[in-house]
Protein backbone atom coordinates (compact mmCIF):
# COMPACT_ATOMS: atom_id res chain seq x y z
CA MET A 1 1.56 -31.70 -22.02
CA GLY A 2 4.22 -34.15 -23.10
CA ASP A 3 7.12 -35.10 -20.83
CA ARG A 4 9.78 -32.37 -20.97
CA ASP A 5 12.27 -32.57 -18.12
CA ASP A 6 12.39 -28.81 -17.57
CA SER A 7 8.60 -28.54 -17.57
CA ASN A 8 8.34 -31.35 -15.03
CA VAL A 9 10.81 -29.53 -12.77
CA TYR A 10 8.74 -26.33 -12.91
CA ILE A 11 5.51 -28.24 -12.29
CA ARG A 12 6.96 -29.96 -9.22
CA MET A 13 8.12 -26.58 -7.86
CA LYS A 14 4.64 -25.11 -8.29
CA ALA A 15 2.93 -28.15 -6.81
CA LYS A 16 5.22 -28.10 -3.78
CA ALA A 17 4.63 -24.40 -3.20
CA GLY A 18 0.87 -24.92 -3.44
CA GLU A 19 0.89 -27.79 -0.96
CA GLU A 20 2.93 -25.72 1.51
CA ILE A 21 0.22 -23.05 1.69
CA GLY A 22 -2.76 -25.41 1.55
CA VAL A 23 -3.66 -25.22 -2.13
CA ASP A 24 -5.08 -28.42 -3.62
CA VAL A 25 -2.87 -28.84 -6.71
CA ARG A 26 -4.05 -31.12 -9.50
CA HIS A 27 -1.59 -32.03 -12.27
CA VAL A 28 -3.52 -32.87 -15.45
CA LYS A 29 -1.11 -34.86 -17.61
CA LEU A 30 -1.77 -35.07 -21.34
CA ALA A 31 0.12 -37.20 -23.84
CA LYS A 32 2.04 -35.83 -26.82
CA SER A 33 -0.62 -37.36 -29.04
CA THR A 34 -3.23 -34.95 -27.66
CA THR A 35 -4.65 -32.73 -30.41
CA GLU A 36 -5.50 -29.06 -30.12
CA GLY A 37 -9.21 -29.85 -30.04
CA MET A 38 -8.77 -32.38 -27.23
CA LEU A 39 -6.70 -29.91 -25.23
CA LEU A 40 -9.27 -27.14 -25.67
CA ASP A 41 -12.07 -29.50 -24.57
CA ARG A 42 -10.13 -30.34 -21.41
CA ILE A 43 -9.62 -26.65 -20.65
CA ARG A 44 -13.35 -25.97 -21.10
CA GLU A 45 -14.11 -28.73 -18.61
CA LEU A 46 -11.80 -27.12 -16.06
CA ASN A 47 -13.33 -23.70 -16.77
CA ALA A 48 -16.74 -25.10 -15.88
CA ASP A 49 -15.55 -26.93 -12.75
CA PRO A 50 -16.51 -24.84 -9.67
CA ALA A 51 -13.87 -26.67 -7.61
CA VAL A 52 -11.09 -25.20 -9.79
CA SER A 53 -10.03 -21.64 -8.93
CA GLY A 54 -6.95 -21.32 -11.16
CA ILE A 55 -5.62 -22.93 -14.35
CA ILE A 56 -2.02 -22.96 -15.57
CA VAL A 57 -1.01 -24.23 -19.00
CA GLN A 58 2.65 -25.23 -18.76
CA MET A 59 4.59 -23.96 -21.75
CA PRO A 60 6.04 -24.99 -24.14
CA LEU A 61 3.48 -27.51 -25.38
CA GLU A 62 5.11 -30.76 -26.47
CA ALA A 63 2.82 -32.34 -29.06
CA ASP A 64 2.95 -34.53 -32.14
CA THR A 65 0.75 -32.08 -34.06
CA ASP A 66 0.81 -28.30 -34.36
CA ILE A 67 -1.03 -26.49 -31.58
CA ASP A 68 -1.74 -22.76 -31.47
CA ALA A 69 -0.35 -21.79 -28.06
CA ALA A 70 -2.08 -18.39 -28.10
CA ARG A 71 -5.44 -20.00 -28.77
CA VAL A 72 -4.88 -22.42 -25.91
CA LEU A 73 -3.92 -19.68 -23.44
CA ASN A 74 -6.92 -17.60 -24.45
CA ALA A 75 -9.25 -20.57 -23.92
CA VAL A 76 -8.61 -20.35 -20.17
CA ASP A 77 -11.35 -18.43 -18.35
CA ALA A 78 -9.96 -14.95 -17.56
CA ASP A 79 -11.09 -15.34 -13.92
CA LYS A 80 -9.02 -18.55 -13.67
CA ASP A 81 -6.04 -17.36 -15.74
CA VAL A 82 -3.67 -17.10 -12.75
CA ASP A 83 -0.67 -16.96 -15.10
CA GLY A 84 -2.11 -13.73 -16.54
CA LEU A 85 -1.22 -14.73 -20.09
CA GLY A 86 -4.62 -14.55 -21.79
CA TRP A 87 -5.67 -11.59 -23.90
CA THR A 88 -8.20 -10.34 -21.36
CA ASN A 89 -5.67 -10.01 -18.55
CA LYS A 90 -3.04 -8.65 -20.93
CA GLY A 91 -5.52 -6.03 -22.09
CA ARG A 92 -6.25 -5.01 -18.52
CA LEU A 93 -2.55 -4.57 -17.83
CA SER A 94 -1.95 -2.56 -21.00
CA ASP A 95 -4.76 -0.24 -19.89
CA GLY A 96 -3.21 0.22 -16.45
CA ASP A 97 -5.67 -2.04 -14.62
CA VAL A 98 -3.46 -4.11 -12.32
CA GLU A 99 -6.17 -4.88 -9.75
CA SER A 100 -9.18 -6.50 -11.42
CA GLY A 101 -7.21 -9.09 -13.40
CA PHE A 102 -4.05 -11.14 -12.96
CA VAL A 103 -0.57 -9.80 -13.76
CA PRO A 104 1.94 -12.29 -15.25
CA CYS A 105 3.86 -13.84 -12.37
CA THR A 106 7.48 -13.22 -13.40
CA PRO A 107 7.09 -9.45 -14.04
CA ALA A 108 5.04 -9.10 -10.86
CA GLY A 109 7.78 -10.87 -8.90
CA CYS A 110 10.46 -8.65 -10.44
CA LEU A 111 8.61 -5.47 -9.50
CA GLU A 112 8.14 -6.73 -5.95
CA LEU A 113 11.87 -7.44 -5.68
CA ILE A 114 12.64 -3.88 -6.78
CA ARG A 115 10.20 -2.39 -4.28
CA ARG A 116 11.38 -4.61 -1.41
CA ALA A 117 14.91 -3.38 -2.07
CA GLY A 118 13.65 0.11 -1.26
CA ILE A 119 14.14 1.43 -4.78
CA GLU A 120 12.01 4.38 -5.86
CA VAL A 121 10.45 3.29 -9.16
CA ALA A 122 8.59 6.52 -9.92
CA GLY A 123 10.77 8.78 -12.02
CA ALA A 124 13.51 6.18 -12.53
CA ASP A 125 14.96 5.42 -15.98
CA ALA A 126 14.18 1.77 -16.63
CA VAL A 127 15.44 -0.41 -19.47
CA VAL A 128 13.88 -3.78 -20.29
CA VAL A 129 16.00 -5.97 -22.56
CA GLY A 130 13.67 -8.45 -24.27
CA ARG A 131 10.09 -8.05 -25.47
CA SER A 132 8.57 -11.50 -24.95
CA ARG A 133 4.85 -11.75 -24.24
CA ILE A 134 5.52 -13.57 -20.98
CA VAL A 135 8.21 -11.36 -19.39
CA GLY A 136 9.60 -8.41 -21.36
CA SER A 137 6.42 -6.74 -22.62
CA PRO A 138 4.36 -7.05 -19.41
CA MET A 139 7.42 -5.99 -17.37
CA ALA A 140 7.63 -2.78 -19.37
CA GLN A 141 3.91 -2.17 -18.81
CA LEU A 142 4.23 -2.69 -15.06
CA LEU A 143 7.16 -0.29 -14.81
CA LYS A 144 5.33 2.28 -16.92
CA TRP A 145 2.22 2.17 -14.71
CA SER A 146 4.56 2.47 -11.70
CA HIS A 147 5.62 5.83 -13.19
CA ALA A 148 9.09 4.85 -14.41
CA THR A 149 10.37 6.12 -17.77
CA VAL A 150 10.69 2.88 -19.72
CA GLN A 151 12.67 1.88 -22.79
CA VAL A 152 12.27 -1.58 -24.33
CA CYS A 153 15.33 -2.98 -26.11
CA HIS A 154 15.62 -6.10 -28.27
CA SER A 155 17.77 -7.84 -30.86
CA LYS A 156 17.31 -5.00 -33.36
CA THR A 157 18.11 -2.18 -30.94
CA LYS A 158 21.06 0.01 -31.92
CA ASN A 159 23.64 1.16 -29.36
CA LEU A 160 22.32 -1.35 -26.83
CA GLU A 161 25.34 -0.95 -24.56
CA ALA A 162 24.78 2.80 -24.24
CA LYS A 163 21.09 2.37 -23.50
CA ILE A 164 21.80 -0.23 -20.82
CA GLY A 165 24.42 2.08 -19.32
CA ALA A 166 21.80 4.80 -18.78
CA ALA A 167 19.40 2.58 -16.81
CA ASP A 168 18.66 3.08 -13.12
CA ILE A 169 16.64 -0.15 -13.28
CA LEU A 170 17.69 -2.88 -15.69
CA VAL A 171 15.55 -5.96 -16.36
CA VAL A 172 17.04 -8.53 -18.73
CA ALA A 173 14.97 -11.35 -20.26
CA MET A 174 16.48 -12.26 -23.63
CA GLY A 175 17.58 -15.89 -23.29
CA LYS A 176 21.27 -15.39 -24.12
CA PRO A 177 23.76 -16.63 -21.51
CA GLU A 178 25.78 -13.84 -19.90
CA PHE A 179 25.12 -11.49 -22.81
CA VAL A 180 25.04 -8.28 -20.76
CA LYS A 181 28.51 -7.45 -19.47
CA GLY A 182 29.16 -5.86 -16.11
CA SER A 183 31.05 -2.98 -17.69
CA TRP A 184 27.86 -1.90 -19.48
CA ILE A 185 25.94 -1.35 -16.27
CA LYS A 186 25.54 2.03 -14.61
CA GLU A 187 27.15 2.36 -11.21
CA GLY A 188 24.52 1.77 -8.53
CA ALA A 189 21.89 0.40 -10.91
CA VAL A 190 19.38 -2.28 -9.90
CA VAL A 191 19.75 -5.38 -12.08
CA ILE A 192 17.01 -8.01 -12.39
CA ASP A 193 18.16 -11.05 -14.37
CA CYS A 194 15.22 -13.15 -15.62
CA GLY A 195 17.35 -15.42 -17.81
CA ILE A 196 18.16 -19.03 -17.03
CA ASN A 197 20.52 -20.83 -19.38
CA SER A 198 22.69 -23.93 -19.14
CA VAL A 199 26.35 -23.72 -20.21
CA ASN A 200 28.89 -26.52 -20.35
CA ASP A 201 31.05 -26.83 -17.25
CA ALA A 202 33.31 -29.85 -16.85
CA THR A 203 33.86 -29.03 -13.17
CA LYS A 204 30.22 -29.75 -12.39
CA LYS A 205 28.91 -33.25 -11.79
CA ALA A 206 26.09 -32.69 -14.24
CA GLY A 207 28.52 -31.32 -16.84
CA TYR A 208 26.82 -27.93 -16.95
CA ARG A 209 25.86 -24.96 -14.80
CA LEU A 210 23.02 -22.48 -14.86
CA VAL A 211 23.67 -18.84 -15.65
CA GLY A 212 21.54 -15.81 -16.37
CA ASP A 213 21.52 -13.30 -19.20
CA VAL A 214 23.86 -11.01 -17.24
CA GLU A 215 27.53 -11.67 -16.50
CA TYR A 216 26.94 -11.90 -12.76
CA ALA A 217 30.44 -11.56 -11.26
CA SER A 218 31.37 -8.37 -13.09
CA ALA A 219 27.86 -6.88 -12.85
CA ALA A 220 27.73 -7.41 -9.09
CA GLU A 221 30.73 -5.09 -8.70
CA ARG A 222 28.79 -2.14 -10.17
CA ALA A 223 25.14 -2.82 -9.32
CA SER A 224 23.60 -1.78 -6.00
CA PHE A 225 21.28 -4.80 -6.18
CA ILE A 226 21.38 -7.81 -8.50
CA THR A 227 19.45 -11.09 -8.61
CA PRO A 228 21.40 -14.37 -8.74
CA VAL A 229 20.68 -17.23 -11.14
CA PRO A 230 19.33 -19.58 -10.00
CA GLY A 231 17.53 -18.49 -6.84
CA GLY A 232 16.57 -14.94 -7.75
CA VAL A 233 13.57 -14.37 -10.01
CA GLY A 234 12.49 -18.04 -10.13
CA PRO A 235 11.20 -18.30 -6.55
CA MET A 236 9.39 -14.97 -6.95
CA THR A 237 7.60 -16.28 -10.03
CA VAL A 238 6.29 -19.26 -8.05
CA ALA A 239 5.37 -17.03 -5.11
CA PHE A 240 3.25 -14.76 -7.30
CA LEU A 241 1.62 -17.73 -8.94
CA MET A 242 0.43 -18.73 -5.47
CA HIS A 243 -0.57 -15.12 -4.81
CA ASN A 244 -2.75 -15.04 -7.93
CA THR A 245 -4.26 -18.45 -7.15
CA VAL A 246 -5.29 -17.40 -3.65
CA ARG A 247 -6.81 -14.19 -5.05
CA ALA A 248 -8.80 -16.25 -7.55
CA ALA A 249 -10.10 -18.53 -4.77
CA VAL A 250 -11.12 -15.54 -2.63
CA ARG A 251 -13.03 -14.08 -5.56
CA ASP A 252 -14.80 -17.39 -6.14
CA ARG A 253 -15.90 -17.43 -2.51
CA ALA A 254 -17.12 -13.85 -2.73
CA LYS A 255 -19.34 -14.77 -5.70
CA LEU A 256 -21.14 -17.35 -3.56
CA SER A 257 -21.88 -14.93 -0.72
CA VAL A 258 -25.07 -12.88 -0.81
CA GLY A 259 -24.34 -9.19 -0.87
CA LYS A 260 -26.51 -6.12 -1.19
CA TRP A 261 -28.86 -6.06 -4.13
CA ASP A 262 -28.06 -3.40 -6.66
CA LEU A 263 -31.61 -2.04 -6.97
CA ARG A 264 -32.37 1.07 -8.97
CA ILE A 265 -35.58 2.97 -9.68
CA LEU A 266 -36.39 2.92 -13.36
CA PRO A 267 -38.70 5.48 -15.00
CA LEU A 268 -42.06 4.21 -16.28
CA ASN A 269 -42.68 5.40 -19.82
CA PRO A 270 -45.92 3.90 -21.24
CA LEU A 271 -46.01 3.62 -25.02
CA ALA A 272 -49.73 4.52 -25.12
CA LYS A 273 -52.24 6.13 -22.83
CA VAL A 274 -53.73 3.55 -20.50
CA ARG A 275 -57.58 3.53 -20.51
CA LYS A 276 -59.13 3.47 -17.08
CA THR A 277 -61.65 0.65 -16.59
CA PHE A 278 -64.19 0.57 -13.76
CA TYR A 279 -65.98 -2.56 -12.60
CA ARG A 280 -69.39 -2.58 -10.88
CA ARG A 281 -69.40 -4.16 -7.45
CA ARG A 282 -71.49 -7.32 -7.39
CA ARG A 283 -73.10 -9.09 -4.47
CA HIS A 284 -71.06 -12.03 -3.28
CA ARG A 285 -72.94 -15.33 -3.22
CA SER A 286 -72.19 -18.34 -1.04
CA ILE A 287 -70.75 -21.59 -2.33
CA ASN A 288 -74.04 -23.36 -1.78
CA GLU A 289 -75.92 -20.84 -3.92
CA LEU A 290 -73.43 -21.20 -6.75
CA PHE A 291 -73.54 -24.98 -6.74
CA LEU A 292 -77.28 -25.38 -6.34
CA SER A 293 -78.10 -22.86 -9.02
CA SER A 294 -76.03 -24.71 -11.57
CA CYS A 295 -76.96 -28.30 -10.74
CA SER A 296 -79.56 -30.49 -12.41
CA GLU A 297 -79.11 -33.68 -10.38
CA ALA A 298 -78.25 -34.56 -6.80
CA TYR A 299 -77.64 -37.84 -5.05
CA CYS A 300 -76.71 -38.97 -1.54
CA VAL A 301 -73.68 -41.11 -0.60
CA LYS A 302 -73.44 -42.65 2.86
CA VAL A 303 -69.91 -43.13 4.27
CA GLY A 304 -70.08 -44.84 7.68
CA ASN A 305 -72.53 -42.83 9.80
CA THR A 306 -72.08 -39.72 7.66
CA SER A 307 -74.25 -38.80 4.68
CA ILE A 308 -72.73 -36.64 1.92
CA THR A 309 -74.89 -34.93 -0.66
CA CYS A 310 -73.24 -34.64 -4.08
CA THR A 311 -74.45 -32.68 -7.06
CA LEU A 312 -73.87 -32.97 -10.78
CA ALA A 313 -73.50 -29.64 -12.52
CA ASN A 314 -74.98 -28.87 -15.92
CA LYS A 315 -72.49 -28.70 -18.75
């Protein structure tokens, strides 16, 4: 919604990744003049479209009028919420259910990076710096349900440096360029930097360079593993968006297939005693007897060489 340069970059990355794996990506562009009601109507249309398996609402929303972002995200059908940002999928994650719903893509990508590095998450001391609804909070939930001992730090946390220094696994998502210094980091720690910030740099053609929330050069000297910025967490976020989208499509297909019926025997509990009724057997009469016994008039109609006798029944 709108025409933000950074949003357009992210959208192109997602579209390209989808096309590479055979996903039909549709970019629904909405003008800044779009109201909240118009946006919600468009989402409802996509919810009802059986050809759509997943829906992503690119944030932030650029609009001329105020729009409740939470309301918009929650309008997306939970089965199509491949970003995992609606309340239903968040609730599943907070309850430890990481299978039936969709986990937010960036935290899921971070956890996969940690596991692929061969790091034992269970029993590790993990520190998450940042408590955003998109990265920090769900990241802490994922680590907790992976049996790490998790501490969430934020702008009001006291003795932040000491807490960071005790972490076996450090995930930083606070939006402050190079805030975490390398000297703070525990020797051999795993560092996942989710930040992406632009800082002025006259040596660059564009006049700026991208950095994370961690001072990379000094941190790399102490960490056993560390993600670069850019090129670290970003590609994993896109990869897990594709992962969630494919899962959503597979589930849609499964709904269309006929499986076993879930039949169960239910007890019969009549509200009143049923009275038995017996009927006397009567002699069956032929059609001719029935018609002739009830008719008062008869006439003959000749069709070709065939004569048909018709009767008029008494009323």
